[in-house]
Amino acid sequence: MACQLNFQVITTTIKDYQALNGSNPAAGTAWTTSRANGGPYMQSWPNGQPYYSIEWNGSALSVVPFSGTASHGSIGTSAPATGCFAA
C-alpha cells in the first residue's frame, strides 16, 4: 500500500509542477526539492527500499520493484504482478 500512496503523491506533485510551469519537470528527482520553478514541491522523494523505487524519466513515472517487473505510467497490475504489485 505504501508504494501505491507514494506513486499517488508523486503523481500529484508532477501535476502541481505542470500547472505552475506549463511543462513537465526534468527527469530525475532534483526538481522536487529545488527552490527553482515554484519549488520545493516535496521535502524528499519517497523511498521504497528495499522493495521498490519510483523513477521519473521526464514524461512517465515507473515503479521498479527490486525483484520483479517494472510498470511504466501506472502503479502496476496484479496479474501479472508488475510495479507496486511485484514489490
N, C-alpha and C. Protein backbone atom coordinates (compact mmCIF):
# COMPACT_ATOMS: atom_id res chain seq x y z
N MET A 1 0.81 -1.19 0.00
CA MET A 1 0.00 0.00 0.00
C MET A 1 0.86 1.26 0.00
N ALA A 2 2.01 1.23 0.68
CA ALA A 2 2.89 2.39 0.71
C ALA A 2 3.35 2.76 -0.70
N CYS A 3 3.62 1.76 -1.51
CA CYS A 3 4.05 2.00 -2.88
C CYS A 3 2.97 2.77 -3.65
N GLN A 4 1.74 2.34 -3.52
CA GLN A 4 0.64 3.00 -4.22
C GLN A 4 0.46 4.43 -3.74
N LEU A 5 0.56 4.65 -2.44
CA LEU A 5 0.44 6.00 -1.89
C LEU A 5 1.59 6.89 -2.36
N ASN A 6 2.81 6.35 -2.35
CA ASN A 6 3.95 7.13 -2.83
C ASN A 6 3.79 7.49 -4.30
N PHE A 7 3.31 6.55 -5.11
CA PHE A 7 3.08 6.82 -6.53
C PHE A 7 2.07 7.95 -6.69
N GLN A 8 1.00 7.92 -5.90
CA GLN A 8 -0.04 8.96 -6.00
C GLN A 8 0.49 10.32 -5.56
N VAL A 9 1.30 10.35 -4.50
CA VAL A 9 1.89 11.61 -4.04
C VAL A 9 2.77 12.21 -5.14
N ILE A 10 3.58 11.38 -5.78
CA ILE A 10 4.45 11.89 -6.83
C ILE A 10 3.62 12.34 -8.04
N THR A 11 2.58 11.59 -8.39
CA THR A 11 1.71 11.97 -9.50
C THR A 11 1.09 13.34 -9.24
N THR A 12 0.61 13.56 -8.04
CA THR A 12 0.02 14.85 -7.68
C THR A 12 1.07 15.96 -7.74
N THR A 13 2.27 15.67 -7.28
CA THR A 13 3.35 16.65 -7.31
C THR A 13 3.70 17.03 -8.74
N ILE A 14 3.73 16.06 -9.64
CA ILE A 14 4.01 16.33 -11.06
C ILE A 14 2.90 17.21 -11.65
N LYS A 15 1.65 16.93 -11.31
CA LYS A 15 0.54 17.75 -11.80
C LYS A 15 0.64 19.18 -11.28
N ASP A 16 1.04 19.34 -10.03
CA ASP A 16 1.24 20.68 -9.47
C ASP A 16 2.33 21.42 -10.24
N TYR A 17 3.43 20.75 -10.50
CA TYR A 17 4.52 21.35 -11.27
C TYR A 17 4.03 21.77 -12.65
N GLN A 18 3.32 20.87 -13.33
CA GLN A 18 2.80 21.17 -14.66
C GLN A 18 1.87 22.37 -14.66
N ALA A 19 1.01 22.45 -13.65
CA ALA A 19 0.06 23.56 -13.55
C ALA A 19 0.79 24.89 -13.36
N LEU A 20 1.84 24.90 -12.59
CA LEU A 20 2.58 26.14 -12.33
C LEU A 20 3.53 26.53 -13.45
N ASN A 21 4.06 25.54 -14.16
CA ASN A 21 5.12 25.82 -15.12
C ASN A 21 4.75 25.54 -16.58
N GLY A 22 3.62 24.89 -16.82
CA GLY A 22 3.20 24.63 -18.19
C GLY A 22 3.99 23.56 -18.91
N SER A 23 4.77 22.80 -18.19
CA SER A 23 5.56 21.73 -18.79
C SER A 23 5.88 20.67 -17.75
N ASN A 24 6.41 19.56 -18.21
CA ASN A 24 6.83 18.50 -17.29
C ASN A 24 8.12 18.90 -16.59
N PRO A 25 8.31 18.43 -15.37
CA PRO A 25 9.61 18.64 -14.73
C PRO A 25 10.68 17.80 -15.41
N ALA A 26 11.94 18.16 -15.18
CA ALA A 26 13.06 17.41 -15.74
C ALA A 26 13.09 16.00 -15.17
N ALA A 27 13.75 15.11 -15.88
CA ALA A 27 13.91 13.74 -15.41
C ALA A 27 14.67 13.74 -14.08
N GLY A 28 14.44 12.70 -13.29
CA GLY A 28 15.12 12.57 -12.01
C GLY A 28 14.28 13.10 -10.88
N THR A 29 14.92 13.36 -9.76
CA THR A 29 14.21 13.77 -8.55
C THR A 29 14.60 15.15 -8.03
N ALA A 30 15.67 15.74 -8.55
CA ALA A 30 16.19 17.00 -8.01
C ALA A 30 15.16 18.12 -8.04
N TRP A 31 14.29 18.14 -9.03
CA TRP A 31 13.29 19.21 -9.16
C TRP A 31 12.32 19.25 -7.98
N THR A 32 12.13 18.13 -7.31
CA THR A 32 11.13 18.09 -6.23
C THR A 32 11.56 18.88 -5.01
N THR A 33 12.85 18.94 -4.73
CA THR A 33 13.33 19.62 -3.54
C THR A 33 14.01 20.96 -3.84
N SER A 34 14.15 21.29 -5.12
CA SER A 34 14.78 22.54 -5.53
C SER A 34 13.82 23.72 -5.30
N ARG A 35 14.38 24.88 -5.08
CA ARG A 35 13.57 26.09 -4.94
C ARG A 35 13.21 26.70 -6.31
N ALA A 36 13.77 26.16 -7.37
CA ALA A 36 13.51 26.66 -8.72
C ALA A 36 12.10 26.28 -9.18
N ASN A 37 11.56 27.05 -10.11
CA ASN A 37 10.28 26.76 -10.76
C ASN A 37 9.12 26.56 -9.79
N GLY A 38 9.08 27.33 -8.74
CA GLY A 38 7.97 27.28 -7.80
C GLY A 38 8.15 26.29 -6.67
N GLY A 39 9.29 25.62 -6.60
CA GLY A 39 9.54 24.60 -5.58
C GLY A 39 10.00 25.20 -4.28
N PRO A 40 10.25 24.38 -3.32
CA PRO A 40 10.24 22.92 -3.40
C PRO A 40 8.82 22.34 -3.39
N TYR A 41 8.68 21.23 -4.05
CA TYR A 41 7.39 20.55 -4.13
C TYR A 41 7.27 19.44 -3.09
N MET A 42 8.39 18.92 -2.64
CA MET A 42 8.42 17.86 -1.62
C MET A 42 9.64 18.08 -0.73
N GLN A 43 9.59 17.50 0.46
CA GLN A 43 10.77 17.54 1.32
C GLN A 43 11.80 16.53 0.84
N SER A 44 11.32 15.38 0.38
CA SER A 44 12.21 14.35 -0.16
C SER A 44 11.40 13.42 -1.05
N TRP A 45 12.09 12.77 -1.98
CA TRP A 45 11.46 11.80 -2.88
C TRP A 45 11.14 10.54 -2.06
N PRO A 46 9.92 10.00 -2.16
CA PRO A 46 9.58 8.78 -1.41
C PRO A 46 10.50 7.62 -1.76
N ASN A 47 10.89 6.90 -0.73
CA ASN A 47 11.85 5.81 -0.89
C ASN A 47 11.19 4.50 -0.45
N GLY A 48 11.20 3.52 -1.32
CA GLY A 48 10.60 2.22 -1.01
C GLY A 48 11.59 1.11 -0.81
N GLN A 49 12.85 1.49 -0.55
CA GLN A 49 13.87 0.45 -0.38
C GLN A 49 13.57 -0.40 0.84
N PRO A 50 13.79 -1.66 0.84
CA PRO A 50 14.49 -2.43 -0.19
C PRO A 50 13.56 -3.09 -1.20
N TYR A 51 12.34 -2.61 -1.32
CA TYR A 51 11.35 -3.31 -2.14
C TYR A 51 11.15 -2.74 -3.54
N TYR A 52 11.22 -1.44 -3.68
CA TYR A 52 10.95 -0.81 -4.97
C TYR A 52 11.54 0.60 -5.02
N SER A 53 11.60 1.15 -6.22
CA SER A 53 11.90 2.56 -6.40
C SER A 53 10.89 3.12 -7.39
N ILE A 54 10.67 4.41 -7.33
CA ILE A 54 9.80 5.09 -8.28
C ILE A 54 10.68 6.07 -9.03
N GLU A 55 10.65 5.96 -10.36
CA GLU A 55 11.54 6.76 -11.19
C GLU A 55 10.74 7.64 -12.14
N TRP A 56 11.22 8.86 -12.36
CA TRP A 56 10.61 9.82 -13.27
C TRP A 56 11.60 10.07 -14.41
N ASN A 57 11.18 9.82 -15.65
CA ASN A 57 12.08 10.00 -16.79
C ASN A 57 11.81 11.29 -17.56
N GLY A 58 10.99 12.16 -17.02
CA GLY A 58 10.66 13.41 -17.68
C GLY A 58 9.32 13.36 -18.40
N SER A 59 8.77 12.15 -18.57
CA SER A 59 7.46 12.04 -19.20
C SER A 59 6.57 10.97 -18.57
N ALA A 60 7.15 10.02 -17.83
CA ALA A 60 6.34 8.97 -17.20
C ALA A 60 6.99 8.49 -15.92
N LEU A 61 6.13 8.12 -14.97
CA LEU A 61 6.60 7.50 -13.73
C LEU A 61 6.67 6.00 -13.93
N SER A 62 7.68 5.38 -13.36
CA SER A 62 7.80 3.93 -13.38
C SER A 62 8.03 3.43 -11.97
N VAL A 63 7.36 2.33 -11.64
CA VAL A 63 7.63 1.64 -10.38
C VAL A 63 8.53 0.47 -10.73
N VAL A 64 9.71 0.45 -10.13
CA VAL A 64 10.68 -0.59 -10.42
C VAL A 64 10.88 -1.43 -9.16
N PRO A 65 10.23 -2.60 -9.10
CA PRO A 65 10.45 -3.48 -7.96
C PRO A 65 11.85 -4.07 -8.03
N PHE A 66 12.47 -4.31 -6.88
CA PHE A 66 13.83 -4.82 -6.88
C PHE A 66 13.89 -6.29 -7.26
N SER A 67 12.74 -6.97 -7.29
CA SER A 67 12.72 -8.36 -7.75
C SER A 67 11.41 -8.61 -8.47
N GLY A 68 11.23 -8.02 -9.62
CA GLY A 68 10.01 -8.20 -10.38
C GLY A 68 10.00 -7.32 -11.62
N THR A 69 8.84 -7.23 -12.24
CA THR A 69 8.68 -6.50 -13.49
C THR A 69 8.23 -5.06 -13.22
N ALA A 70 8.90 -4.12 -13.86
CA ALA A 70 8.57 -2.71 -13.69
C ALA A 70 7.25 -2.37 -14.36
N SER A 71 6.61 -1.32 -13.86
CA SER A 71 5.44 -0.76 -14.52
C SER A 71 5.84 0.60 -15.06
N HIS A 72 5.21 1.02 -16.13
CA HIS A 72 5.55 2.31 -16.74
C HIS A 72 4.26 3.11 -16.91
N GLY A 73 4.16 4.21 -16.15
CA GLY A 73 2.99 5.07 -16.26
C GLY A 73 1.84 4.71 -15.35
N SER A 74 2.02 3.68 -14.51
CA SER A 74 0.95 3.28 -13.59
C SER A 74 1.57 2.61 -12.37
N ILE A 75 0.71 2.31 -11.38
CA ILE A 75 1.20 1.60 -10.20
C ILE A 75 1.50 0.15 -10.50
N GLY A 76 1.01 -0.36 -11.62
CA GLY A 76 1.24 -1.73 -12.00
C GLY A 76 -0.05 -2.52 -12.03
N THR A 77 0.09 -3.80 -12.20
CA THR A 77 -1.07 -4.70 -12.28
C THR A 77 -0.87 -5.88 -11.34
N SER A 78 -1.98 -6.46 -10.90
CA SER A 78 -1.89 -7.60 -10.00
C SER A 78 -1.69 -8.92 -10.75
N ALA A 79 -2.16 -9.00 -12.00
CA ALA A 79 -2.00 -10.23 -12.78
C ALA A 79 -1.71 -9.87 -14.22
N PRO A 80 -0.51 -10.02 -14.70
CA PRO A 80 0.66 -10.46 -13.95
C PRO A 80 1.15 -9.37 -13.01
N ALA A 81 1.84 -9.75 -11.97
CA ALA A 81 2.31 -8.80 -10.96
C ALA A 81 3.42 -7.91 -11.52
N THR A 82 3.12 -6.61 -11.60
CA THR A 82 4.09 -5.63 -12.06
C THR A 82 4.07 -4.44 -11.10
N GLY A 83 5.09 -3.62 -11.16
CA GLY A 83 5.13 -2.39 -10.38
C GLY A 83 4.94 -2.64 -8.89
N CYS A 84 4.05 -1.87 -8.28
CA CYS A 84 3.80 -1.99 -6.84
C CYS A 84 3.36 -3.40 -6.45
N PHE A 85 2.66 -4.08 -7.33
CA PHE A 85 2.16 -5.41 -7.01
C PHE A 85 3.27 -6.47 -7.04
N ALA A 86 4.38 -6.16 -7.66
CA ALA A 86 5.52 -7.08 -7.70
C ALA A 86 6.56 -6.76 -6.64
N ALA A 87 6.35 -5.65 -5.95
CA ALA A 87 7.32 -5.21 -4.93
C ALA A 87 7.20 -6.04 -3.68
